Amino acid sequence: MKSIQIGKIMILLAILTHLVGISGLFSSDVSMTSQMLTLVLLVLAYLTIDKKKAKRKRKKPAAVRTLLDRAKQESNESAQ
């Protein structure tokens, strides 16, 4: 599975955990635990999605690459 899909699943689990926690079905001890679990799931989802964004590296457009190549060639020719 891709990391973005895992992040989405974690967010859905966090929402489900939060809804169960605030429903009042459990005692206050379990409520605090569900709040902590919600927080942990959201932080993990953020880190998972953030790492995926950080790995993407933008490729320079072809026009920019050709201009850079020309500038390097011209600077090499003028230096000689």
C-alpha atoms as a PDB file:
ATOM      1  CA  MET A   1       0.000   0.000   0.000  1.00  0.00           C
ATOM      2  CA  LYS A   2       1.097   3.529  -0.666  1.00  0.00           C
ATOM      3  CA  SER A   3       1.891   5.794   2.242  1.00  0.00           C
ATOM      4  CA  ILE A   4      -0.924   8.199   1.375  1.00  0.00           C
ATOM      5  CA  GLN A   5      -3.437   5.352   1.581  1.00  0.00           C
ATOM      6  CA  ILE A   6      -2.009   4.322   4.943  1.00  0.00           C
ATOM      7  CA  GLY A   7      -2.286   7.924   6.115  1.00  0.00           C
ATOM      8  CA  LYS A   8      -5.931   8.083   5.056  1.00  0.00           C
ATOM      9  CA  ILE A   9      -6.684   4.853   6.917  1.00  0.00           C
ATOM     10  CA  MET A  10      -5.007   6.232  10.044  1.00  0.00           C
ATOM     11  CA  ILE A  11      -7.105   9.395   9.840  1.00  0.00           C
ATOM     12  CA  LEU A  12     -10.291   7.342   9.487  1.00  0.00           C
ATOM     13  CA  LEU A  13      -9.305   5.206  12.485  1.00  0.00           C
ATOM     14  CA  ALA A  14      -8.594   8.367  14.488  1.00  0.00           C
ATOM     15  CA  ILE A  15     -12.037   9.744  13.656  1.00  0.00           C
ATOM     16  CA  LEU A  16     -13.685   6.453  14.602  1.00  0.00           C
ATOM     17  CA  THR A  17     -11.730   6.304  17.861  1.00  0.00           C
ATOM     18  CA  HIS A  18     -12.688   9.878  18.668  1.00  0.00           C
ATOM     19  CA  LEU A  19     -16.375   9.259  17.986  1.00  0.00           C
ATOM     20  CA  VAL A  20     -16.397   6.165  20.177  1.00  0.00           C
ATOM     21  CA  GLY A  21     -14.530   8.080  22.882  1.00  0.00           C
ATOM     22  CA  ILE A  22     -16.949  10.998  22.990  1.00  0.00           C
ATOM     23  CA  SER A  23     -20.053   8.812  22.772  1.00  0.00           C
ATOM     24  CA  GLY A  24     -19.922   8.208  26.526  1.00  0.00           C
ATOM     25  CA  LEU A  25     -20.047   4.431  26.293  1.00  0.00           C
ATOM     26  CA  PHE A  26     -16.899   4.007  28.331  1.00  0.00           C
ATOM     27  CA  SER A  27     -15.596   5.286  31.636  1.00  0.00           C
ATOM     28  CA  SER A  28     -13.317   8.326  31.933  1.00  0.00           C
ATOM     29  CA  ASP A  29     -10.176   6.145  32.032  1.00  0.00           C
ATOM     30  CA  VAL A  30     -10.988   4.621  28.678  1.00  0.00           C
ATOM     31  CA  SER A  31     -11.971   8.049  27.370  1.00  0.00           C
ATOM     32  CA  MET A  32      -8.498   9.423  28.118  1.00  0.00           C
ATOM     33  CA  THR A  33      -6.946   6.397  26.438  1.00  0.00           C
ATOM     34  CA  SER A  34      -9.070   6.889  23.324  1.00  0.00           C
ATOM     35  CA  GLN A  35      -8.074  10.561  23.183  1.00  0.00           C
ATOM     36  CA  MET A  36      -4.415   9.600  23.361  1.00  0.00           C
ATOM     37  CA  LEU A  37      -4.921   6.959  20.672  1.00  0.00           C
ATOM     38  CA  THR A  38      -6.637   9.552  18.473  1.00  0.00           C
ATOM     39  CA  LEU A  39      -3.714  11.928  18.901  1.00  0.00           C
ATOM     40  CA  VAL A  40      -1.143   9.229  18.128  1.00  0.00           C
ATOM     41  CA  LEU A  41      -3.011   8.114  15.003  1.00  0.00           C
ATOM     42  CA  LEU A  42      -3.255  11.674  13.699  1.00  0.00           C
ATOM     43  CA  VAL A  43       0.441  12.339  14.313  1.00  0.00           C
ATOM     44  CA  LEU A  44       1.410   9.089  12.576  1.00  0.00           C
ATOM     45  CA  ALA A  45      -0.844   9.933   9.624  1.00  0.00           C
ATOM     46  CA  TYR A  46       0.745  13.382   9.361  1.00  0.00           C
ATOM     47  CA  LEU A  47       4.259  11.936   9.435  1.00  0.00           C
ATOM     48  CA  THR A  48       3.383   9.256   6.891  1.00  0.00           C
ATOM     49  CA  ILE A  49       1.890  11.735   4.435  1.00  0.00           C
ATOM     50  CA  ASP A  50       4.612  14.325   5.077  1.00  0.00           C
ATOM     51  CA  LYS A  51       7.407  11.848   4.308  1.00  0.00           C
ATOM     52  CA  LYS A  52       5.758  11.018   1.013  1.00  0.00           C
ATOM     53  CA  LYS A  53       5.668  14.694   0.050  1.00  0.00           C
ATOM     54  CA  ALA A  54       9.296  15.187   1.051  1.00  0.00           C
ATOM     55  CA  LYS A  55      10.494  12.345  -1.182  1.00  0.00           C
ATOM     56  CA  ARG A  56       9.078  13.920  -4.335  1.00  0.00           C
ATOM     57  CA  LYS A  57      11.705  15.860  -6.197  1.00  0.00           C
ATOM     58  CA  ARG A  58      10.658  18.251  -8.878  1.00  0.00           C
ATOM     59  CA  LYS A  59      12.240  17.804 -12.230  1.00  0.00           C
ATOM     60  CA  LYS A  60      13.306  20.938 -14.035  1.00  0.00           C
ATOM     61  CA  PRO A  61      11.345  21.679 -17.193  1.00  0.00           C
ATOM     62  CA  ALA A  62      13.080  20.956 -20.471  1.00  0.00           C
ATOM     63  CA  ALA A  63      13.291  24.646 -21.394  1.00  0.00           C
ATOM     64  CA  VAL A  64      15.080  25.475 -18.153  1.00  0.00           C
ATOM     65  CA  ARG A  65      17.503  22.589 -18.625  1.00  0.00           C
ATOM     66  CA  THR A  66      18.380  23.704 -22.151  1.00  0.00           C
ATOM     67  CA  LEU A  67      18.931  27.290 -20.992  1.00  0.00           C
ATOM     68  CA  LEU A  68      21.205  26.075 -18.185  1.00  0.00           C
ATOM     69  CA  ASP A  69      23.149  23.875 -20.605  1.00  0.00           C
ATOM     70  CA  ARG A  70      23.616  26.800 -23.011  1.00  0.00           C
ATOM     71  CA  ALA A  71      24.772  29.074 -20.192  1.00  0.00           C
ATOM     72  CA  LYS A  72      27.334  26.469 -19.057  1.00  0.00           C
ATOM     73  CA  GLN A  73      28.598  26.012 -22.613  1.00  0.00           C
ATOM     74  CA  GLU A  74      28.911  29.756 -23.133  1.00  0.00           C
ATOM     75  CA  SER A  75      30.749  30.228 -19.855  1.00  0.00           C
ATOM     76  CA  ASN A  76      33.113  27.375 -20.774  1.00  0.00           C
ATOM     77  CA  GLU A  77      33.753  28.903 -24.209  1.00  0.00           C
ATOM     78  CA  SER A  78      34.373  32.371 -22.826  1.00  0.00           C
ATOM     79  CA  ALA A  79      36.755  30.996 -20.190  1.00  0.00           C
ATOM     80  CA  GLN A  80      38.883  29.274 -22.860  1.00  0.00           C
END
